[in-house]
Amino acid sequence: MKTVYDIQQLLKRYGTFIYTGDRLGDLELMEMELDELYQLKFVQMKDYQQAKMLLKKEKRLIMDKRGE
């Protein structure tokens, strides 16, 4: 997983489409869905860890831009 788009494609494979219009909200929802897929053993640990790190990085970038 190298981009948020890759994570979206992973989630799409399991029928999850996320778009709320709020980028930070989208990332948080993706993180929750990813957690659930991992707990149910649909996602391998390597992919899960990469996706979680990427989502955290993206969330941090957005919060830094907003000044939060």
PDB file of N, CA and C in Angstrom:
ATOM      1  N   MET A   1       0.842  -1.168   0.000  1.00  0.00           N
ATOM      2  CA  MET A   1       0.000   0.000   0.000  1.00  0.00           C
ATOM      3  C   MET A   1       0.892   1.237   0.000  1.00  0.00           C
ATOM      4  N   LYS A   2       0.705   2.022  -1.010  1.00  0.00           N
ATOM      5  CA  LYS A   2       1.533   3.220  -1.112  1.00  0.00           C
ATOM      6  C   LYS A   2       0.720   4.507  -1.074  1.00  0.00           C
ATOM      7  N   THR A   3      -0.573   4.419  -1.375  1.00  0.00           N
ATOM      8  CA  THR A   3      -1.409   5.623  -1.402  1.00  0.00           C
ATOM      9  C   THR A   3      -2.767   5.343  -0.760  1.00  0.00           C
ATOM     10  N   VAL A   4      -3.472   6.425  -0.440  1.00  0.00           N
ATOM     11  CA  VAL A   4      -4.824   6.297   0.090  1.00  0.00           C
ATOM     12  C   VAL A   4      -5.716   5.632  -0.956  1.00  0.00           C
ATOM     13  N   TYR A   5      -5.442   5.890  -2.215  1.00  0.00           N
ATOM     14  CA  TYR A   5      -6.204   5.256  -3.290  1.00  0.00           C
ATOM     15  C   TYR A   5      -6.092   3.733  -3.206  1.00  0.00           C
ATOM     16  N   ASP A   6      -4.900   3.232  -2.893  1.00  0.00           N
ATOM     17  CA  ASP A   6      -4.708   1.782  -2.733  1.00  0.00           C
ATOM     18  C   ASP A   6      -5.597   1.236  -1.610  1.00  0.00           C
ATOM     19  N   ILE A   7      -5.712   2.002  -0.532  1.00  0.00           N
ATOM     20  CA  ILE A   7      -6.562   1.585   0.584  1.00  0.00           C
ATOM     21  C   ILE A   7      -8.025   1.593   0.155  1.00  0.00           C
ATOM     22  N   GLN A   8      -8.419   2.613  -0.591  1.00  0.00           N
ATOM     23  CA  GLN A   8      -9.794   2.673  -1.090  1.00  0.00           C
ATOM     24  C   GLN A   8     -10.102   1.463  -1.964  1.00  0.00           C
ATOM     25  N   GLN A   9      -9.158   1.074  -2.791  1.00  0.00           N
ATOM     26  CA  GLN A   9      -9.362  -0.083  -3.659  1.00  0.00           C
ATOM     27  C   GLN A   9      -9.473  -1.373  -2.844  1.00  0.00           C
ATOM     28  N   LEU A  10      -8.679  -1.489  -1.793  1.00  0.00           N
ATOM     29  CA  LEU A  10      -8.768  -2.647  -0.907  1.00  0.00           C
ATOM     30  C   LEU A  10     -10.154  -2.714  -0.271  1.00  0.00           C
ATOM     31  N   LEU A  11     -10.617  -1.588   0.253  1.00  0.00           N
ATOM     32  CA  LEU A  11     -11.934  -1.554   0.889  1.00  0.00           C
ATOM     33  C   LEU A  11     -13.042  -1.838  -0.118  1.00  0.00           C
ATOM     34  N   LYS A  12     -12.860  -1.340  -1.330  1.00  0.00           N
ATOM     35  CA  LYS A  12     -13.866  -1.546  -2.373  1.00  0.00           C
ATOM     36  C   LYS A  12     -14.041  -3.033  -2.684  1.00  0.00           C
ATOM     37  N   ARG A  13     -12.955  -3.793  -2.603  1.00  0.00           N
ATOM     38  CA  ARG A  13     -13.030  -5.240  -2.843  1.00  0.00           C
ATOM     39  C   ARG A  13     -13.993  -5.930  -1.887  1.00  0.00           C
ATOM     40  N   TYR A  14     -14.174  -5.330  -0.714  1.00  0.00           N
ATOM     41  CA  TYR A  14     -15.070  -5.904   0.289  1.00  0.00           C
ATOM     42  C   TYR A  14     -16.393  -5.139   0.372  1.00  0.00           C
ATOM     43  N   GLY A  15     -16.662  -4.325  -0.636  1.00  0.00           N
ATOM     44  CA  GLY A  15     -17.954  -3.646  -0.719  1.00  0.00           C
ATOM     45  C   GLY A  15     -18.068  -2.369   0.081  1.00  0.00           C
ATOM     46  N   THR A  16     -16.954  -1.788   0.476  1.00  0.00           N
ATOM     47  CA  THR A  16     -16.975  -0.563   1.264  1.00  0.00           C
ATOM     48  C   THR A  16     -16.539   0.616   0.410  1.00  0.00           C
ATOM     49  N   PHE A  17     -17.455   1.557   0.233  1.00  0.00           N
ATOM     50  CA  PHE A  17     -17.178   2.785  -0.507  1.00  0.00           C
ATOM     51  C   PHE A  17     -17.332   3.938   0.472  1.00  0.00           C
ATOM     52  N   ILE A  18     -16.287   4.743   0.620  1.00  0.00           N
ATOM     53  CA  ILE A  18     -16.326   5.829   1.592  1.00  0.00           C
ATOM     54  C   ILE A  18     -16.077   7.155   0.891  1.00  0.00           C
ATOM     55  N   TYR A  19     -17.071   8.040   0.999  1.00  0.00           N
ATOM     56  CA  TYR A  19     -16.896   9.424   0.558  1.00  0.00           C
ATOM     57  C   TYR A  19     -17.930  10.273   1.266  1.00  0.00           C
ATOM     58  N   THR A  20     -17.472  11.083   2.200  1.00  0.00           N
ATOM     59  CA  THR A  20     -18.378  11.944   2.956  1.00  0.00           C
ATOM     60  C   THR A  20     -18.236  13.404   2.549  1.00  0.00           C
ATOM     61  N   GLY A  21     -17.206  13.714   1.793  1.00  0.00           N
ATOM     62  CA  GLY A  21     -16.943  15.100   1.442  1.00  0.00           C
ATOM     63  C   GLY A  21     -15.957  15.757   2.401  1.00  0.00           C
ATOM     64  N   ASP A  22     -15.659  15.087   3.495  1.00  0.00           N
ATOM     65  CA  ASP A  22     -14.696  15.575   4.483  1.00  0.00           C
ATOM     66  C   ASP A  22     -13.524  14.600   4.489  1.00  0.00           C
ATOM     67  N   ARG A  23     -12.393  15.048   4.014  1.00  0.00           N
ATOM     68  CA  ARG A  23     -11.236  14.157   3.854  1.00  0.00           C
ATOM     69  C   ARG A  23     -10.832  13.502   5.178  1.00  0.00           C
ATOM     70  N   LEU A  24     -10.794  14.279   6.245  1.00  0.00           N
ATOM     71  CA  LEU A  24     -10.405  13.726   7.540  1.00  0.00           C
ATOM     72  C   LEU A  24     -11.426  12.684   8.000  1.00  0.00           C
ATOM     73  N   GLY A  25     -12.691  12.973   7.810  1.00  0.00           N
ATOM     74  CA  GLY A  25     -13.739  12.013   8.154  1.00  0.00           C
ATOM     75  C   GLY A  25     -13.619  10.740   7.340  1.00  0.00           C
ATOM     76  N   ASP A  26     -13.316  10.895   6.057  1.00  0.00           N
ATOM     77  CA  ASP A  26     -13.130   9.726   5.187  1.00  0.00           C
ATOM     78  C   ASP A  26     -11.995   8.844   5.703  1.00  0.00           C
ATOM     79  N   LEU A  27     -10.891   9.471   6.082  1.00  0.00           N
ATOM     80  CA  LEU A  27      -9.734   8.710   6.564  1.00  0.00           C
ATOM     81  C   LEU A  27     -10.062   7.963   7.853  1.00  0.00           C
ATOM     82  N   GLU A  28     -10.823   8.613   8.741  1.00  0.00           N
ATOM     83  CA  GLU A  28     -11.198   7.962   9.993  1.00  0.00           C
ATOM     84  C   GLU A  28     -12.121   6.771   9.736  1.00  0.00           C
ATOM     85  N   LEU A  29     -13.068   6.937   8.815  1.00  0.00           N
ATOM     86  CA  LEU A  29     -13.954   5.823   8.466  1.00  0.00           C
ATOM     87  C   LEU A  29     -13.173   4.677   7.826  1.00  0.00           C
ATOM     88  N   MET A  30     -12.209   5.024   6.974  1.00  0.00           N
ATOM     89  CA  MET A  30     -11.376   3.989   6.356  1.00  0.00           C
ATOM     90  C   MET A  30     -10.616   3.214   7.419  1.00  0.00           C
ATOM     91  N   GLU A  31     -10.110   3.942   8.412  1.00  0.00           N
ATOM     92  CA  GLU A  31      -9.356   3.293   9.483  1.00  0.00           C
ATOM     93  C   GLU A  31     -10.251   2.321  10.263  1.00  0.00           C
ATOM     94  N   MET A  32     -11.477   2.732  10.548  1.00  0.00           N
ATOM     95  CA  MET A  32     -12.406   1.853  11.269  1.00  0.00           C
ATOM     96  C   MET A  32     -12.751   0.610  10.448  1.00  0.00           C
ATOM     97  N   GLU A  33     -13.001   0.795   9.171  1.00  0.00           N
ATOM     98  CA  GLU A  33     -13.321  -0.344   8.302  1.00  0.00           C
ATOM     99  C   GLU A  33     -12.137  -1.290   8.183  1.00  0.00           C
ATOM    100  N   LEU A  34     -10.954  -0.717   8.077  1.00  0.00           N
ATOM    101  CA  LEU A  34      -9.740  -1.521   7.985  1.00  0.00           C
ATOM    102  C   LEU A  34      -9.541  -2.351   9.255  1.00  0.00           C
ATOM    103  N   ASP A  35      -9.768  -1.720  10.416  1.00  0.00           N
ATOM    104  CA  ASP A  35      -9.662  -2.443  11.689  1.00  0.00           C
ATOM    105  C   ASP A  35     -10.602  -3.642  11.709  1.00  0.00           C
ATOM    106  N   GLU A  36     -11.829  -3.417  11.267  1.00  0.00           N
ATOM    107  CA  GLU A  36     -12.818  -4.495  11.270  1.00  0.00           C
ATOM    108  C   GLU A  36     -12.420  -5.624  10.316  1.00  0.00           C
ATOM    109  N   LEU A  37     -11.957  -5.267   9.129  1.00  0.00           N
ATOM    110  CA  LEU A  37     -11.529  -6.290   8.172  1.00  0.00           C
ATOM    111  C   LEU A  37     -10.356  -7.096   8.712  1.00  0.00           C
ATOM    112  N   TYR A  38      -9.448  -6.423   9.411  1.00  0.00           N
ATOM    113  CA  TYR A  38      -8.296  -7.122   9.983  1.00  0.00           C
ATOM    114  C   TYR A  38      -8.738  -8.072  11.100  1.00  0.00           C
ATOM    115  N   GLN A  39      -9.640  -7.604  11.956  1.00  0.00           N
ATOM    116  CA  GLN A  39     -10.134  -8.453  13.046  1.00  0.00           C
ATOM    117  C   GLN A  39     -10.837  -9.697  12.514  1.00  0.00           C
ATOM    118  N   LEU A  40     -11.488  -9.552  11.365  1.00  0.00           N
ATOM    119  CA  LEU A  40     -12.192 -10.684  10.759  1.00  0.00           C
ATOM    120  C   LEU A  40     -11.272 -11.537   9.880  1.00  0.00           C
ATOM    121  N   LYS A  41      -9.968 -11.177   9.863  1.00  0.00           N
ATOM    122  CA  LYS A  41      -8.941 -11.923   9.117  1.00  0.00           C
ATOM    123  C   LYS A  41      -9.105 -11.849   7.595  1.00  0.00           C
ATOM    124  N   PHE A  42      -9.709 -10.758   7.101  1.00  0.00           N
ATOM    125  CA  PHE A  42      -9.827 -10.567   5.657  1.00  0.00           C
ATOM    126  C   PHE A  42      -8.578  -9.895   5.084  1.00  0.00           C
ATOM    127  N   VAL A  43      -7.828  -9.212   5.949  1.00  0.00           N
ATOM    128  CA  VAL A  43      -6.650  -8.453   5.518  1.00  0.00           C
ATOM    129  C   VAL A  43      -5.425  -9.016   6.229  1.00  0.00           C
ATOM    130  N   GLN A  44      -4.347  -9.191   5.488  1.00  0.00           N
ATOM    131  CA  GLN A  44      -3.100  -9.694   6.069  1.00  0.00           C
ATOM    132  C   GLN A  44      -2.456  -8.622   6.944  1.00  0.00           C
ATOM    133  N   MET A  45      -1.674  -9.069   7.916  1.00  0.00           N
ATOM    134  CA  MET A  45      -1.050  -8.149   8.859  1.00  0.00           C
ATOM    135  C   MET A  45      -0.186  -7.105   8.150  1.00  0.00           C
ATOM    136  N   LYS A  46       0.576  -7.520   7.166  1.00  0.00           N
ATOM    137  CA  LYS A  46       1.463  -6.596   6.445  1.00  0.00           C
ATOM    138  C   LYS A  46       0.657  -5.471   5.790  1.00  0.00           C
ATOM    139  N   ASP A  47      -0.408  -5.835   5.089  1.00  0.00           N
ATOM    140  CA  ASP A  47      -1.245  -4.831   4.436  1.00  0.00           C
ATOM    141  C   ASP A  47      -1.924  -3.933   5.460  1.00  0.00           C
ATOM    142  N   TYR A  48      -2.374  -4.527   6.545  1.00  0.00           N
ATOM    143  CA  TYR A  48      -3.028  -3.774   7.612  1.00  0.00           C
ATOM    144  C   TYR A  48      -2.082  -2.731   8.206  1.00  0.00           C
ATOM    145  N   GLN A  49      -0.870  -3.150   8.530  1.00  0.00           N
ATOM    146  CA  GLN A  49       0.098  -2.239   9.135  1.00  0.00           C
ATOM    147  C   GLN A  49       0.466  -1.104   8.187  1.00  0.00           C
ATOM    148  N   GLN A  50       0.694  -1.429   6.925  1.00  0.00           N
ATOM    149  CA  GLN A  50       1.030  -0.394   5.948  1.00  0.00           C
ATOM    150  C   GLN A  50      -0.112   0.605   5.796  1.00  0.00           C
ATOM    151  N   ALA A  51      -1.324   0.092   5.712  1.00  0.00           N
ATOM    152  CA  ALA A  51      -2.489   0.959   5.539  1.00  0.00           C
ATOM    153  C   ALA A  51      -2.692   1.849   6.759  1.00  0.00           C
ATOM    154  N   LYS A  52      -2.547   1.299   7.955  1.00  0.00           N
ATOM    155  CA  LYS A  52      -2.717   2.087   9.181  1.00  0.00           C
ATOM    156  C   LYS A  52      -1.692   3.214   9.249  1.00  0.00           C
ATOM    157  N   MET A  53      -0.443   2.902   8.914  1.00  0.00           N
ATOM    158  CA  MET A  53       0.604   3.928   8.939  1.00  0.00           C
ATOM    159  C   MET A  53       0.303   5.036   7.937  1.00  0.00           C
ATOM    160  N   LEU A  54      -0.119   4.651   6.761  1.00  0.00           N
ATOM    161  CA  LEU A  54      -0.437   5.618   5.719  1.00  0.00           C
ATOM    162  C   LEU A  54      -1.616   6.500   6.128  1.00  0.00           C
ATOM    163  N   LEU A  55      -2.649   5.911   6.694  1.00  0.00           N
ATOM    164  CA  LEU A  55      -3.810   6.688   7.128  1.00  0.00           C
ATOM    165  C   LEU A  55      -3.430   7.664   8.240  1.00  0.00           C
ATOM    166  N   LYS A  56      -2.610   7.225   9.179  1.00  0.00           N
ATOM    167  CA  LYS A  56      -2.168   8.112  10.256  1.00  0.00           C
ATOM    168  C   LYS A  56      -1.357   9.274   9.702  1.00  0.00           C
ATOM    169  N   LYS A  57      -0.497   8.986   8.737  1.00  0.00           N
ATOM    170  CA  LYS A  57       0.316  10.032   8.113  1.00  0.00           C
ATOM    171  C   LYS A  57      -0.578  11.050   7.406  1.00  0.00           C
ATOM    172  N   GLU A  58      -1.546  10.570   6.642  1.00  0.00           N
ATOM    173  CA  GLU A  58      -2.456  11.462   5.922  1.00  0.00           C
ATOM    174  C   GLU A  58      -3.281  12.305   6.887  1.00  0.00           C
ATOM    175  N   LYS A  59      -3.755  11.696   7.974  1.00  0.00           N
ATOM    176  CA  LYS A  59      -4.529  12.438   8.967  1.00  0.00           C
ATOM    177  C   LYS A  59      -3.676  13.534   9.603  1.00  0.00           C
ATOM    178  N   ARG A  60      -2.428  13.209   9.897  1.00  0.00           N
ATOM    179  CA  ARG A  60      -1.520  14.184  10.495  1.00  0.00           C
ATOM    180  C   ARG A  60      -1.286  15.359   9.545  1.00  0.00           C
ATOM    181  N   LEU A  61      -1.111  15.072   8.247  1.00  0.00           N
ATOM    182  CA  LEU A  61      -0.910  16.135   7.264  1.00  0.00           C
ATOM    183  C   LEU A  61      -2.111  17.067   7.196  1.00  0.00           C
ATOM    184  N   ILE A  62      -3.300  16.504   7.226  1.00  0.00           N
ATOM    185  CA  ILE A  62      -4.515  17.321   7.166  1.00  0.00           C
ATOM    186  C   ILE A  62      -4.648  18.175   8.420  1.00  0.00           C
ATOM    187  N   MET A  63      -4.388  17.584   9.576  1.00  0.00           N
ATOM    188  CA  MET A  63      -4.499  18.344  10.827  1.00  0.00           C
ATOM    189  C   MET A  63      -3.455  19.452  10.881  1.00  0.00           C
ATOM    190  N   ASP A  64      -2.264  19.194  10.355  1.00  0.00           N
ATOM    191  CA  ASP A  64      -1.231  20.228  10.321  1.00  0.00           C
ATOM    192  C   ASP A  64      -1.646  21.382   9.424  1.00  0.00           C
ATOM    193  N   LYS A  65      -2.269  21.070   8.283  1.00  0.00           N
ATOM    194  CA  LYS A  65      -2.742  22.120   7.375  1.00  0.00           C
ATOM    195  C   LYS A  65      -3.833  22.959   8.019  1.00  0.00           C
ATOM    196  N   ARG A  66      -4.703  22.305   8.778  1.00  0.00           N
ATOM    197  CA  ARG A  66      -5.812  23.003   9.435  1.00  0.00           C
ATOM    198  C   ARG A  66      -5.354  23.731  10.692  1.00  0.00           C
ATOM    199  N   GLY A  67      -4.162  23.405  11.160  1.00  0.00           N
ATOM    200  CA  GLY A  67      -3.631  24.037  12.356  1.00  0.00           C
ATOM    201  C   GLY A  67      -4.173  23.440  13.642  1.00  0.00           C
ATOM    202  N   GLU A  68      -4.572  22.182  13.594  1.00  0.00           N
ATOM    203  CA  GLU A  68      -5.119  21.521  14.788  1.00  0.00           C
ATOM    204  C   GLU A  68      -4.030  20.844  15.579  1.00  0.00           C
TER     205      GLU A  68
END
